[in-house]
N, C-alpha and C. Protein backbone atom coordinates (compact mmCIF):
# COMPACT_ATOMS: atom_id res chain seq x y z
N UNK A 1 1.15 -1.51 0.34
CA UNK A 1 0.01 0.56 -0.10
C UNK A 1 0.62 1.16 0.10
N UNK A 2 0.90 2.39 -0.05
CA UNK A 2 0.54 3.54 -0.42
C UNK A 2 1.00 4.39 0.65
N UNK A 3 0.62 6.19 0.22
CA UNK A 3 0.02 6.99 1.00
C UNK A 3 -1.41 7.31 0.39
N UNK A 4 -1.69 7.13 -0.92
CA UNK A 4 -2.63 7.54 -1.44
C UNK A 4 -3.51 6.05 -1.96
N UNK A 5 -2.98 5.38 -1.14
CA UNK A 5 -4.18 3.84 -1.49
C UNK A 5 -4.27 2.58 0.02
N UNK A 6 -5.66 2.90 0.32
CA UNK A 6 -5.36 1.71 1.13
C UNK A 6 -6.32 0.87 0.48
N UNK A 7 -6.39 -0.57 1.36
CA UNK A 7 -7.30 -1.94 1.59
C UNK A 7 -8.00 -1.77 2.55
N UNK A 8 -8.67 -2.07 3.10
CA UNK A 8 -9.62 -2.26 4.18
C UNK A 8 -10.99 -2.86 4.67
N UNK A 9 -11.28 -3.85 4.80
CA UNK A 9 -12.47 -4.45 4.43
C UNK A 9 -13.75 -3.47 5.99
N UNK A 10 -15.15 -3.11 5.16
CA UNK A 10 -16.32 -3.02 6.43
C UNK A 10 -17.12 -3.79 5.91
N UNK A 11 -17.36 -4.54 7.21
CA UNK A 11 -18.93 -5.50 7.81
C UNK A 11 -19.95 -5.18 9.23
N UNK A 12 -20.29 -5.74 7.47
CA UNK A 12 -21.99 -4.81 8.28
C UNK A 12 -22.54 -6.34 9.06
N UNK A 13 -23.85 -5.17 10.13
CA UNK A 13 -24.60 -6.87 9.93
C UNK A 13 -25.79 -6.27 10.68
N UNK A 14 -26.31 -7.14 10.08
CA UNK A 14 -28.43 -6.62 10.38
C UNK A 14 -28.60 -7.48 10.56
N UNK A 15 -27.86 -8.44 11.41
CA UNK A 15 -28.86 -10.71 10.89
C UNK A 15 -28.30 -11.60 10.56
N UNK A 16 -27.10 -10.71 10.32
CA UNK A 16 -26.58 -11.23 9.15
C UNK A 16 -25.18 -10.77 9.45
N UNK A 17 -23.64 -12.03 8.82
CA UNK A 17 -22.61 -10.81 8.69
C UNK A 17 -22.16 -10.70 7.38
N UNK A 18 -21.96 -9.02 6.73
CA UNK A 18 -21.30 -9.06 5.16
C UNK A 18 -20.43 -8.29 5.78
N UNK A 19 -19.12 -9.36 5.20
CA UNK A 19 -18.02 -8.36 4.78
C UNK A 19 -17.15 -7.83 3.60
N UNK A 20 -17.06 -6.69 3.47
CA UNK A 20 -16.76 -6.42 2.17
C UNK A 20 -15.23 -5.55 1.85
N UNK A 21 -14.53 -6.48 1.25
CA UNK A 21 -13.56 -5.19 0.74
C UNK A 21 -14.09 -4.33 -0.52
N UNK A 22 -12.62 -3.14 0.40
CA UNK A 22 -12.35 -2.05 -0.35
C UNK A 22 -11.20 -1.28 -0.81
N UNK A 23 -10.72 -1.18 -1.53
CA UNK A 23 -9.91 -0.69 -1.69
C UNK A 23 -9.98 1.67 -2.12
N UNK A 24 -9.60 2.18 -1.49
CA UNK A 24 -9.96 3.58 -1.00
C UNK A 24 -8.10 4.79 -1.92
N UNK A 25 -8.75 5.54 -3.17
CA UNK A 25 -7.40 6.29 -3.48
C UNK A 25 -7.87 7.12 -3.48
N UNK A 26 -6.56 8.27 -3.21
CA UNK A 26 -6.82 9.81 -3.02
C UNK A 26 -6.91 10.00 -4.70
N UNK A 27 -7.04 11.12 -4.97
CA UNK A 27 -7.26 11.17 -5.94
C UNK A 27 -7.02 12.47 -6.41
N UNK A 28 -6.77 13.42 -6.05
CA UNK A 28 -6.72 14.43 -5.39
C UNK A 28 -7.22 15.40 -3.80
N UNK A 29 -6.79 16.29 -3.18
CA UNK A 29 -6.41 16.75 -2.31
C UNK A 29 -7.95 16.62 -1.19
N UNK A 30 -9.01 17.16 -1.83
CA UNK A 30 -10.66 16.72 -1.64
C UNK A 30 -11.31 15.37 -2.34
N UNK A 31 -10.56 14.52 -2.39
CA UNK A 31 -11.43 13.98 -3.37
C UNK A 31 -10.46 12.56 -3.62
N UNK A 32 -11.72 10.97 -2.50
CA UNK A 32 -11.41 9.96 -2.93
C UNK A 32 -11.46 9.31 -4.04
N UNK A 33 -11.61 8.46 -4.46
CA UNK A 33 -12.11 7.02 -5.45
C UNK A 33 -12.14 5.96 -4.07
N UNK A 34 -13.79 5.19 -4.47
CA UNK A 34 -13.85 3.90 -3.63
C UNK A 34 -14.00 2.68 -4.43
N UNK A 35 -13.80 1.63 -4.63
CA UNK A 35 -14.07 0.50 -4.52
C UNK A 35 -14.27 -1.07 -4.11
N UNK A 36 -14.93 -1.75 -4.59
CA UNK A 36 -15.69 -3.49 -3.84
C UNK A 36 -15.98 -3.39 -5.07
N UNK A 37 -15.66 -5.21 -4.37
CA UNK A 37 -16.06 -6.35 -6.10
C UNK A 37 -17.92 -5.50 -5.37
N UNK A 38 -18.99 -4.81 -4.66
CA UNK A 38 -19.51 -5.06 -5.05
C UNK A 38 -19.82 -3.88 -5.50
N UNK A 39 -19.44 -2.48 -4.92
CA UNK A 39 -20.05 -1.87 -6.43
C UNK A 39 -19.08 -1.52 -7.15
N UNK A 40 -19.95 -2.17 -8.15
CA UNK A 40 -19.74 -1.66 -9.34
C UNK A 40 -18.94 -0.58 -10.57
N UNK A 41 -18.06 -0.49 -10.90
CA UNK A 41 -17.88 1.41 -11.14
C UNK A 41 -17.04 2.02 -9.76
N UNK A 42 -17.41 1.41 -8.84
CA UNK A 42 -16.56 2.62 -8.02
C UNK A 42 -17.88 3.61 -7.30
N UNK A 43 -17.13 4.19 -6.50
CA UNK A 43 -18.00 5.89 -6.11
C UNK A 43 -17.03 7.00 -5.92
N UNK A 44 -17.10 7.92 -6.65
CA UNK A 44 -16.12 9.50 -5.75
C UNK A 44 -16.97 9.47 -5.19
N UNK A 45 -16.29 9.91 -4.09
CA UNK A 45 -15.73 11.31 -2.36
C UNK A 45 -15.66 12.31 -2.52
N UNK A 46 -16.14 13.23 -2.05
CA UNK A 46 -16.04 13.99 -2.33
C UNK A 46 -16.04 14.57 -0.86
N UNK A 47 -14.61 15.52 0.30
CA UNK A 47 -14.37 15.49 0.46
C UNK A 47 -14.92 17.48 0.81
N UNK A 48 -15.20 17.10 2.23
CA UNK A 48 -15.57 19.53 2.97
C UNK A 48 -16.02 19.40 4.01
N UNK A 49 -15.41 20.92 4.50
CA UNK A 49 -15.34 21.13 6.10
C UNK A 49 -15.90 20.20 6.76
N UNK A 50 -17.35 20.15 6.55
CA UNK A 50 -18.58 19.81 7.90
C UNK A 50 -18.76 18.33 7.36
N UNK A 51 -17.97 16.99 6.66
CA UNK A 51 -18.41 16.36 5.72
C UNK A 51 -17.53 15.54 5.02
N UNK A 52 -18.18 15.54 4.05
CA UNK A 52 -18.21 14.18 3.11
C UNK A 52 -19.58 13.21 2.47
N UNK A 53 -19.29 13.61 1.35
CA UNK A 53 -20.62 13.55 -0.18
C UNK A 53 -19.53 12.26 -0.93
N UNK A 54 -21.48 11.10 -1.17
CA UNK A 54 -20.84 10.38 -1.88
C UNK A 54 -21.22 10.74 -3.47
N UNK A 55 -20.33 10.08 -4.02
CA UNK A 55 -21.48 11.02 -5.50
C UNK A 55 -22.18 9.28 -6.13
N UNK A 56 -23.41 9.53 -6.47
CA UNK A 56 -24.39 8.34 -6.60
C UNK A 56 -24.01 7.03 -6.68
N UNK A 57 -24.00 5.84 -7.24
CA UNK A 57 -23.55 5.06 -6.99
C UNK A 57 -24.64 3.32 -7.18
N UNK A 58 -23.57 2.62 -7.19
CA UNK A 58 -23.79 1.26 -7.40
C UNK A 58 -23.59 -0.03 -6.34
N UNK A 59 -24.54 -0.65 -5.72
CA UNK A 59 -24.40 -1.53 -5.30
C UNK A 59 -24.41 -2.83 -5.77
N UNK A 60 -24.43 -3.99 -5.75
CA UNK A 60 -24.59 -4.84 -5.65
C UNK A 60 -25.94 -6.00 -4.49
N UNK A 61 -26.71 -6.56 -3.86
CA UNK A 61 -27.14 -7.37 -3.91
C UNK A 61 -28.79 -8.56 -4.02
N UNK A 62 -27.60 -9.57 -3.21
CA UNK A 62 -28.73 -10.75 -3.39
C UNK A 62 -29.74 -11.66 -2.47
N UNK A 63 -30.95 -11.02 -3.26
CA UNK A 63 -32.20 -11.78 -2.32
C UNK A 63 -32.34 -12.55 -3.37
N UNK A 64 -32.14 -14.54 -2.50
CA UNK A 64 -32.56 -15.63 -3.00
C UNK A 64 -31.64 -15.11 -3.90
N UNK A 65 -31.40 -16.04 -4.79
CA UNK A 65 -30.66 -17.07 -6.20
C UNK A 65 -30.39 -15.25 -7.13
N UNK A 66 -30.77 -13.86 -6.36
CA UNK A 66 -30.85 -13.11 -7.62
C UNK A 66 -29.91 -11.96 -7.07
N UNK A 67 -29.35 -11.24 -7.90
CA UNK A 67 -28.78 -10.83 -7.96
C UNK A 67 -28.96 -8.55 -8.30
N UNK A 68 -29.82 -8.66 -8.10
CA UNK A 68 -29.47 -6.66 -7.92
C UNK A 68 -28.57 -5.63 -7.86
N UNK A 69 -28.93 -5.18 -8.25
CA UNK A 69 -28.02 -3.06 -8.99
C UNK A 69 -28.72 -2.78 -7.80
N UNK A 70 -28.68 -2.43 -7.13
CA UNK A 70 -29.36 -0.21 -6.44
C UNK A 70 -28.61 0.20 -6.61
N UNK A 71 -29.12 1.28 -6.41
CA UNK A 71 -28.49 2.90 -6.49
C UNK A 71 -28.56 3.55 -5.66
N UNK A 72 -27.66 3.98 -5.52
CA UNK A 72 -27.67 4.67 -3.41
C UNK A 72 -26.98 6.28 -3.84
N UNK A 73 -27.70 6.89 -2.96
CA UNK A 73 -27.01 8.91 -2.36
C UNK A 73 -27.14 8.37 -1.29
N UNK A 74 -25.57 8.57 -0.62
CA UNK A 74 -25.02 8.75 1.01
C UNK A 74 -24.75 10.00 1.61
N UNK A 75 -25.35 10.45 2.44
CA UNK A 75 -25.04 11.92 2.20
C UNK A 75 -24.52 11.68 4.05
N UNK A 76 -23.48 12.54 4.03
CA UNK A 76 -22.73 12.50 5.38
C UNK A 76 -23.07 13.49 6.42
N UNK A 77 -22.29 14.05 7.35
CA UNK A 77 -21.83 15.21 7.77
C UNK A 77 -21.71 14.74 9.19
N UNK A 78 -20.54 15.70 9.55
CA UNK A 78 -19.77 15.57 10.91
C UNK A 78 -20.37 16.31 11.66
N UNK A 79 -20.42 15.95 12.80
CA UNK A 79 -21.20 16.52 13.94
C UNK A 79 -20.13 17.29 14.56
N UNK A 80 -20.22 18.74 15.43
CA UNK A 80 -19.01 19.06 15.99
C UNK A 80 -19.08 18.29 17.38
N UNK A 81 -19.08 17.57 17.49
CA UNK A 81 -18.76 16.90 18.71
C UNK A 81 -18.23 15.25 17.89
N UNK A 82 -17.82 15.03 16.48
CA UNK A 82 -17.25 13.79 16.36
C UNK A 82 -17.69 12.63 15.31
N UNK A 83 -19.04 12.32 16.30
CA UNK A 83 -19.16 11.47 15.50
C UNK A 83 -19.45 11.61 14.65
N UNK A 84 -19.61 11.19 12.87
CA UNK A 84 -19.68 11.16 11.40
C UNK A 84 -21.73 10.21 11.65
N UNK A 85 -23.14 11.54 11.54
CA UNK A 85 -23.16 11.02 10.70
C UNK A 85 -24.28 10.39 8.79
N UNK A 86 -24.36 9.13 8.69
CA UNK A 86 -24.97 8.87 7.31
C UNK A 86 -25.89 8.19 7.14
N UNK A 87 -25.79 8.53 5.33
CA UNK A 87 -28.10 8.52 5.18
C UNK A 87 -27.40 8.30 4.12
N UNK A 88 -28.02 5.97 3.53
CA UNK A 88 -27.11 5.81 2.87
C UNK A 88 -29.54 5.46 1.96
N UNK A 89 -29.97 6.15 1.44
CA UNK A 89 -30.87 5.36 0.89
C UNK A 89 -30.67 4.82 -0.92
N UNK A 90 -31.39 3.53 -0.79
CA UNK A 90 -31.73 2.33 -2.27
C UNK A 90 -32.53 2.15 -2.72
N UNK A 91 -32.08 1.97 -3.78
CA UNK A 91 -33.36 2.09 -5.11
C UNK A 91 -32.94 0.97 -5.43
N UNK A 92 -34.03 0.58 -6.12
CA UNK A 92 -34.14 -0.33 -6.69
C UNK A 92 -35.53 0.67 -8.46
N UNK A 93 -34.77 0.67 -9.24
CA UNK A 93 -35.88 0.33 -10.71
C UNK A 93 -36.49 1.94 -10.31
N UNK A 94 -36.09 2.97 -8.84
CA UNK A 94 -36.42 4.07 -8.56
C UNK A 94 -37.03 3.85 -7.56
N UNK A 95 -38.02 2.42 -6.67
CA UNK A 95 -38.09 2.62 -5.78
C UNK A 95 -37.55 2.94 -5.47
N UNK A 96 -37.36 3.74 -3.84
CA UNK A 96 -36.83 3.24 -2.64
C UNK A 96 -37.48 2.34 -1.47
N UNK A 97 -36.16 0.91 -1.73
CA UNK A 97 -36.07 -0.08 -0.86
C UNK A 97 -35.99 -0.25 0.60
N UNK A 98 -34.83 0.88 0.92
CA UNK A 98 -34.26 0.26 2.15
C UNK A 98 -33.04 1.73 2.01
N UNK A 99 -33.56 2.72 2.76
CA UNK A 99 -32.50 3.40 4.19
C UNK A 99 -31.93 2.72 5.64
N UNK A 100 -30.55 3.29 4.91
CA UNK A 100 -29.76 3.13 6.70
C UNK A 100 -28.87 4.25 6.76
N UNK A 101 -29.15 4.64 8.58
CA UNK A 101 -28.30 4.75 9.08
C UNK A 101 -27.72 5.13 9.75
N UNK A 102 -26.37 5.09 9.71
CA UNK A 102 -25.17 5.26 10.97
C UNK A 102 -24.55 6.25 11.29
N UNK A 103 -24.52 5.42 12.60
CA UNK A 103 -23.28 7.56 13.13
C UNK A 103 -22.12 6.81 13.35
N UNK A 104 -21.75 6.80 12.73
CA UNK A 104 -18.87 6.79 13.07
C UNK A 104 -18.59 7.85 14.39
N UNK A 105 -18.60 6.58 14.68
CA UNK A 105 -17.42 7.53 15.69
C UNK A 105 -15.70 6.78 15.91
N UNK A 106 -14.84 7.82 16.43
CA UNK A 106 -13.16 6.98 16.64
C UNK A 106 -13.12 6.82 18.58
N UNK A 107 -13.36 6.01 19.09
CA UNK A 107 -13.15 5.31 20.65
C UNK A 107 -11.43 6.02 20.92
N UNK A 108 -11.03 5.66 22.09
CA UNK A 108 -9.73 7.19 22.60
C UNK A 108 -8.55 6.15 22.15
N UNK A 109 -9.28 4.74 21.18
CA UNK A 109 -7.70 4.29 20.73
C UNK A 109 -7.98 4.28 19.10
N UNK A 110 -8.95 5.70 19.35
CA UNK A 110 -8.67 5.70 17.00
C UNK A 110 -9.21 4.64 16.15
N UNK A 111 -9.76 3.22 17.35
CA UNK A 111 -10.84 2.26 16.84
C UNK A 111 -11.88 2.32 16.40
N UNK A 112 -12.20 3.26 14.99
CA UNK A 112 -13.93 3.24 14.84
C UNK A 112 -15.06 1.84 14.40
N UNK A 113 -16.36 2.99 15.35
CA UNK A 113 -16.40 2.01 15.71
C UNK A 113 -17.86 2.34 14.73
N UNK A 114 -19.42 2.07 14.64
CA UNK A 114 -20.65 2.15 13.50
C UNK A 114 -22.09 2.09 14.27
N UNK A 115 -22.81 2.88 14.84
CA UNK A 115 -23.97 2.50 15.22
C UNK A 115 -25.07 2.84 14.78
N UNK A 116 -25.59 1.47 14.10
CA UNK A 116 -26.39 1.17 12.82
C UNK A 116 -25.82 0.28 11.84
N UNK A 117 -25.45 0.53 11.53
CA UNK A 117 -24.71 -0.51 10.05
C UNK A 117 -23.50 -0.79 10.63
N UNK A 118 -23.37 -1.36 10.27
CA UNK A 118 -21.71 -1.85 10.48
C UNK A 118 -20.10 -1.42 11.95
N UNK A 119 -19.38 -2.23 10.99
CA UNK A 119 -17.85 -1.52 11.22
C UNK A 119 -17.56 -1.93 10.49
N UNK A 120 -15.90 -2.07 10.49
CA UNK A 120 -14.52 -1.83 10.10
C UNK A 120 -13.18 -2.54 10.68
N UNK A 121 -13.38 -3.61 9.92
CA UNK A 121 -11.80 -3.95 10.33
C UNK A 121 -10.71 -4.31 9.31
N UNK A 122 -10.18 -4.01 9.71
CA UNK A 122 -7.95 -3.74 8.75
C UNK A 122 -7.90 -5.46 7.93
N UNK A 123 -7.73 -5.02 7.13
CA UNK A 123 -7.58 -5.59 5.68
C UNK A 123 -6.28 -6.68 6.14
N UNK A 124 -6.74 -8.19 5.95
CA UNK A 124 -5.93 -9.29 6.14
C UNK A 124 -4.57 -8.90 4.95
N UNK A 125 -3.26 -8.42 5.70
CA UNK A 125 -2.25 -8.79 4.79
C UNK A 125 -1.66 -9.95 4.32
N UNK A 126 -0.78 -9.01 3.47
CA UNK A 126 -0.72 -9.93 1.97
C UNK A 126 1.14 -10.74 2.45
């Protein structure tokens, strides 16, 4: 890995456990690009003083034997106390099928804690 690229695994637990590997890259000072096998085409993230904003992106979701491509909008803002509030709206064929709301904060040791959506763990070393 380099200072402009990192790999990590997001872990989501919502009755079942879902681990998704991600790669993030710094495009320029206020822009990141993330990609994952479950996120065809990846997504761009624009950083701001108050948080960050994802450009609309697609994710793959499995419903039984069928894989659906969901269109997602993702808004985030950083509270003055430090936590990040994240709302993800997921649509299929224009119909809203889910909204995921999370609060993300780091503990005193810098470990990321997510309430409502999951948590992040480090990628295994290769």
